[in-house]
Amino acid sequence: MATTKKYDGFTEEERSAMKDRAKELKASTRRGAQADTEAEVLAKIAEMPETDRVIAKRLHAVIKANVPALTAKLWYGMPAYARDGKVVCHFQPASKFKTRYAMLAFSDQANLDDGALWPAWYALTELTPDIEAKIGALLQQAVS
């Protein structure tokens, strides 16, 4: 007799991300919305597997250099960067959902509109100076 696993709609990784988000909301309520959360982001980056960590550290530096007004915070357990409390972009490590590559994602708060269709998620396998420059330009447009 075969045993079947009941599918409840969410993977273990998705449930974990939701739990991370609940913890983040609870912590922000305790400490206040204006608290400096960059240390939490850097600690989360330090916990990542090396391939994700290398990209996340560099991406964090690129974001802070290009748009220092964005606030680093955790969002579903991932490094995110917000303006006025609303996430503009976030880094999704490949290890988070066991995907082939990491991603830089922009929310609807980012001003990247270009007609009726434009990219909002970018696959990242490495950060070269050219890619960092492209990300810098995207960030500048996103907050303009």
C-alpha atoms as a PDB file:
ATOM      1  CA  MET A   1       0.000   0.000   0.000  1.00  0.00           C
ATOM      2  CA  ALA A   2       1.452   3.304  -1.071  1.00  0.00           C
ATOM      3  CA  THR A   3       1.450   6.205   1.302  1.00  0.00           C
ATOM      4  CA  THR A   4       0.659   9.574  -0.119  1.00  0.00           C
ATOM      5  CA  LYS A   5       1.673  12.864   1.339  1.00  0.00           C
ATOM      6  CA  LYS A   6      -1.166  15.347   1.697  1.00  0.00           C
ATOM      7  CA  TYR A   7      -0.477  18.552  -0.196  1.00  0.00           C
ATOM      8  CA  ASP A   8      -1.564  21.581   1.804  1.00  0.00           C
ATOM      9  CA  GLY A   9      -0.671  24.240  -0.749  1.00  0.00           C
ATOM     10  CA  PHE A  10       2.636  25.492   0.665  1.00  0.00           C
ATOM     11  CA  THR A  11       6.121  24.057   0.553  1.00  0.00           C
ATOM     12  CA  GLU A  12       8.218  23.836   3.704  1.00  0.00           C
ATOM     13  CA  GLU A  13      10.295  26.780   2.405  1.00  0.00           C
ATOM     14  CA  GLU A  14       7.162  28.878   1.845  1.00  0.00           C
ATOM     15  CA  ARG A  15       5.869  28.090   5.344  1.00  0.00           C
ATOM     16  CA  SER A  16       9.277  29.041   6.733  1.00  0.00           C
ATOM     17  CA  ALA A  17       9.176  32.382   4.877  1.00  0.00           C
ATOM     18  CA  MET A  18       5.722  33.104   6.297  1.00  0.00           C
ATOM     19  CA  LYS A  19       6.968  32.335   9.808  1.00  0.00           C
ATOM     20  CA  ASP A  20       9.938  34.656   9.194  1.00  0.00           C
ATOM     21  CA  ARG A  21       7.541  37.418   8.162  1.00  0.00           C
ATOM     22  CA  ALA A  22       5.406  36.950  11.273  1.00  0.00           C
ATOM     23  CA  LYS A  23       8.535  37.234  13.455  1.00  0.00           C
ATOM     24  CA  GLU A  24       9.613  40.374  11.578  1.00  0.00           C
ATOM     25  CA  LEU A  25       6.237  42.035  12.119  1.00  0.00           C
ATOM     26  CA  LYS A  26       6.228  41.143  15.802  1.00  0.00           C
ATOM     27  CA  ALA A  27       9.783  42.454  16.238  1.00  0.00           C
ATOM     28  CA  SER A  28       9.011  45.722  14.420  1.00  0.00           C
ATOM     29  CA  THR A  29       6.015  46.287  16.694  1.00  0.00           C
ATOM     30  CA  ARG A  30       8.194  45.829  19.774  1.00  0.00           C
ATOM     31  CA  ARG A  31      11.070  48.032  18.693  1.00  0.00           C
ATOM     32  CA  GLY A  32       9.141  50.627  16.680  1.00  0.00           C
ATOM     33  CA  ALA A  33       9.040  51.246  12.958  1.00  0.00           C
ATOM     34  CA  GLN A  34      11.968  53.683  12.959  1.00  0.00           C
ATOM     35  CA  ALA A  35      14.525  51.240  14.436  1.00  0.00           C
ATOM     36  CA  ASP A  36      17.751  50.569  12.541  1.00  0.00           C
ATOM     37  CA  THR A  37      17.426  47.077  11.071  1.00  0.00           C
ATOM     38  CA  GLU A  38      20.561  47.003   8.922  1.00  0.00           C
ATOM     39  CA  ALA A  39      22.386  44.846  11.492  1.00  0.00           C
ATOM     40  CA  GLU A  40      19.649  42.213  11.179  1.00  0.00           C
ATOM     41  CA  VAL A  41      20.041  42.219   7.399  1.00  0.00           C
ATOM     42  CA  LEU A  42      23.820  41.853   7.637  1.00  0.00           C
ATOM     43  CA  ALA A  43      23.410  38.996  10.139  1.00  0.00           C
ATOM     44  CA  LYS A  44      20.987  37.225   7.772  1.00  0.00           C
ATOM     45  CA  ILE A  45      23.446  37.676   4.891  1.00  0.00           C
ATOM     46  CA  ALA A  46      26.236  36.200   7.040  1.00  0.00           C
ATOM     47  CA  GLU A  47      24.112  33.056   7.581  1.00  0.00           C
ATOM     48  CA  MET A  48      23.668  32.399   3.856  1.00  0.00           C
ATOM     49  CA  PRO A  49      25.537  29.691   1.971  1.00  0.00           C
ATOM     50  CA  GLU A  50      28.693  31.098   0.372  1.00  0.00           C
ATOM     51  CA  THR A  51      27.375  31.495  -3.187  1.00  0.00           C
ATOM     52  CA  ASP A  52      24.367  33.509  -1.984  1.00  0.00           C
ATOM     53  CA  ARG A  53      26.377  35.360   0.666  1.00  0.00           C
ATOM     54  CA  VAL A  54      28.938  36.672  -1.853  1.00  0.00           C
ATOM     55  CA  ILE A  55      26.197  38.085  -4.078  1.00  0.00           C
ATOM     56  CA  ALA A  56      24.131  39.421  -1.154  1.00  0.00           C
ATOM     57  CA  LYS A  57      27.089  41.264   0.422  1.00  0.00           C
ATOM     58  CA  ARG A  58      28.026  42.891  -2.867  1.00  0.00           C
ATOM     59  CA  LEU A  59      24.418  43.712  -3.718  1.00  0.00           C
ATOM     60  CA  HIS A  60      23.931  45.301  -0.290  1.00  0.00           C
ATOM     61  CA  ALA A  61      26.978  47.508  -0.926  1.00  0.00           C
ATOM     62  CA  VAL A  62      25.722  48.461  -4.416  1.00  0.00           C
ATOM     63  CA  ILE A  63      22.295  49.381  -3.070  1.00  0.00           C
ATOM     64  CA  LYS A  64      23.690  51.439  -0.170  1.00  0.00           C
ATOM     65  CA  ALA A  65      26.125  53.236  -2.517  1.00  0.00           C
ATOM     66  CA  ASN A  66      23.508  54.059  -5.160  1.00  0.00           C
ATOM     67  CA  VAL A  67      20.462  54.767  -3.017  1.00  0.00           C
ATOM     68  CA  PRO A  68      21.541  55.409   0.586  1.00  0.00           C
ATOM     69  CA  ALA A  69      18.023  56.639   1.420  1.00  0.00           C
ATOM     70  CA  LEU A  70      16.668  53.079   1.202  1.00  0.00           C
ATOM     71  CA  THR A  71      16.402  51.340   4.570  1.00  0.00           C
ATOM     72  CA  ALA A  72      17.689  47.774   4.843  1.00  0.00           C
ATOM     73  CA  LYS A  73      15.236  45.429   6.523  1.00  0.00           C
ATOM     74  CA  LEU A  74      14.225  41.791   6.524  1.00  0.00           C
ATOM     75  CA  TRP A  75      11.190  40.814   4.485  1.00  0.00           C
ATOM     76  CA  TYR A  76      10.056  37.180   4.615  1.00  0.00           C
ATOM     77  CA  GLY A  77      13.529  36.395   5.927  1.00  0.00           C
ATOM     78  CA  MET A  78      15.263  38.013   2.932  1.00  0.00           C
ATOM     79  CA  PRO A  79      17.288  41.233   2.668  1.00  0.00           C
ATOM     80  CA  ALA A  80      15.001  43.996   1.458  1.00  0.00           C
ATOM     81  CA  TYR A  81      15.349  47.718   0.913  1.00  0.00           C
ATOM     82  CA  ALA A  82      12.480  50.070   1.671  1.00  0.00           C
ATOM     83  CA  ARG A  83      11.451  53.680   1.246  1.00  0.00           C
ATOM     84  CA  ASP A  84       8.950  55.090   3.733  1.00  0.00           C
ATOM     85  CA  GLY A  85       8.476  51.576   5.134  1.00  0.00           C
ATOM     86  CA  LYS A  86       7.498  50.046   1.772  1.00  0.00           C
ATOM     87  CA  VAL A  87       9.796  47.517   0.126  1.00  0.00           C
ATOM     88  CA  VAL A  88      11.235  48.752  -3.181  1.00  0.00           C
ATOM     89  CA  CYS A  89      13.461  45.740  -3.864  1.00  0.00           C
ATOM     90  CA  HIS A  90      14.660  42.561  -2.227  1.00  0.00           C
ATOM     91  CA  PHE A  91      17.260  39.843  -2.689  1.00  0.00           C
ATOM     92  CA  GLN A  92      15.985  36.279  -2.888  1.00  0.00           C
ATOM     93  CA  PRO A  93      18.869  33.864  -2.287  1.00  0.00           C
ATOM     94  CA  ALA A  94      18.831  30.701  -4.398  1.00  0.00           C
ATOM     95  CA  SER A  95      18.934  28.687  -1.175  1.00  0.00           C
ATOM     96  CA  LYS A  96      15.708  30.279   0.154  1.00  0.00           C
ATOM     97  CA  PHE A  97      13.400  28.295  -2.124  1.00  0.00           C
ATOM     98  CA  LYS A  98      15.995  25.903  -3.568  1.00  0.00           C
ATOM     99  CA  THR A  99      16.050  27.597  -6.947  1.00  0.00           C
ATOM    100  CA  ARG A 100      18.704  27.511  -9.632  1.00  0.00           C
ATOM    101  CA  TYR A 101      19.779  31.130  -9.147  1.00  0.00           C
ATOM    102  CA  ALA A 102      19.388  34.073  -6.790  1.00  0.00           C
ATOM    103  CA  MET A 103      17.142  36.967  -7.770  1.00  0.00           C
ATOM    104  CA  LEU A 104      16.903  40.702  -7.344  1.00  0.00           C
ATOM    105  CA  ALA A 105      13.231  41.651  -7.336  1.00  0.00           C
ATOM    106  CA  PHE A 106      11.567  45.038  -7.543  1.00  0.00           C
ATOM    107  CA  SER A 107       8.111  45.683  -6.107  1.00  0.00           C
ATOM    108  CA  ASP A 108       5.366  47.870  -7.493  1.00  0.00           C
ATOM    109  CA  GLN A 109       6.895  50.674  -5.385  1.00  0.00           C
ATOM    110  CA  ALA A 110       9.776  50.815  -7.881  1.00  0.00           C
ATOM    111  CA  ASN A 111       9.372  53.261 -10.766  1.00  0.00           C
ATOM    112  CA  LEU A 112      10.545  50.884 -13.482  1.00  0.00           C
ATOM    113  CA  ASP A 113       7.473  51.262 -15.664  1.00  0.00           C
ATOM    114  CA  ASP A 114       8.251  51.056 -19.367  1.00  0.00           C
ATOM    115  CA  GLY A 115       5.087  50.846 -21.438  1.00  0.00           C
ATOM    116  CA  ALA A 116       2.860  47.853 -20.824  1.00  0.00           C
ATOM    117  CA  LEU A 117       5.615  45.316 -20.059  1.00  0.00           C
ATOM    118  CA  TRP A 118       8.885  45.516 -18.113  1.00  0.00           C
ATOM    119  CA  PRO A 119      11.041  43.160 -16.061  1.00  0.00           C
ATOM    120  CA  ALA A 120      10.723  43.271 -12.282  1.00  0.00           C
ATOM    121  CA  TRP A 121      12.805  40.197 -11.313  1.00  0.00           C
ATOM    122  CA  TYR A 122      16.412  39.684 -12.345  1.00  0.00           C
ATOM    123  CA  ALA A 123      18.355  36.425 -12.094  1.00  0.00           C
ATOM    124  CA  LEU A 124      21.777  36.811 -10.467  1.00  0.00           C
ATOM    125  CA  THR A 125      24.542  34.256 -10.801  1.00  0.00           C
ATOM    126  CA  GLU A 126      27.387  36.682 -10.095  1.00  0.00           C
ATOM    127  CA  LEU A 127      28.016  40.392  -9.754  1.00  0.00           C
ATOM    128  CA  THR A 128      30.527  41.862 -12.165  1.00  0.00           C
ATOM    129  CA  PRO A 129      31.306  45.582 -12.454  1.00  0.00           C
ATOM    130  CA  ASP A 130      29.038  45.789 -15.535  1.00  0.00           C
ATOM    131  CA  ILE A 131      26.154  44.109 -13.730  1.00  0.00           C
ATOM    132  CA  GLU A 132      26.684  46.319 -10.680  1.00  0.00           C
ATOM    133  CA  ALA A 133      26.464  49.375 -12.945  1.00  0.00           C
ATOM    134  CA  LYS A 134      23.210  48.073 -14.479  1.00  0.00           C
ATOM    135  CA  ILE A 135      21.780  47.435 -11.016  1.00  0.00           C
ATOM    136  CA  GLY A 136      22.844  50.931  -9.945  1.00  0.00           C
ATOM    137  CA  ALA A 137      20.974  52.423 -12.912  1.00  0.00           C
ATOM    138  CA  LEU A 138      17.885  50.328 -12.134  1.00  0.00           C
ATOM    139  CA  LEU A 139      17.993  51.462  -8.506  1.00  0.00           C
ATOM    140  CA  GLN A 140      18.257  55.120  -9.527  1.00  0.00           C
ATOM    141  CA  GLN A 141      15.249  54.708 -11.828  1.00  0.00           C
ATOM    142  CA  ALA A 142      13.339  52.734  -9.187  1.00  0.00           C
ATOM    143  CA  VAL A 143      13.441  55.575  -6.677  1.00  0.00           C
ATOM    144  CA  SER A 144      13.072  58.477  -9.117  1.00  0.00           C
END
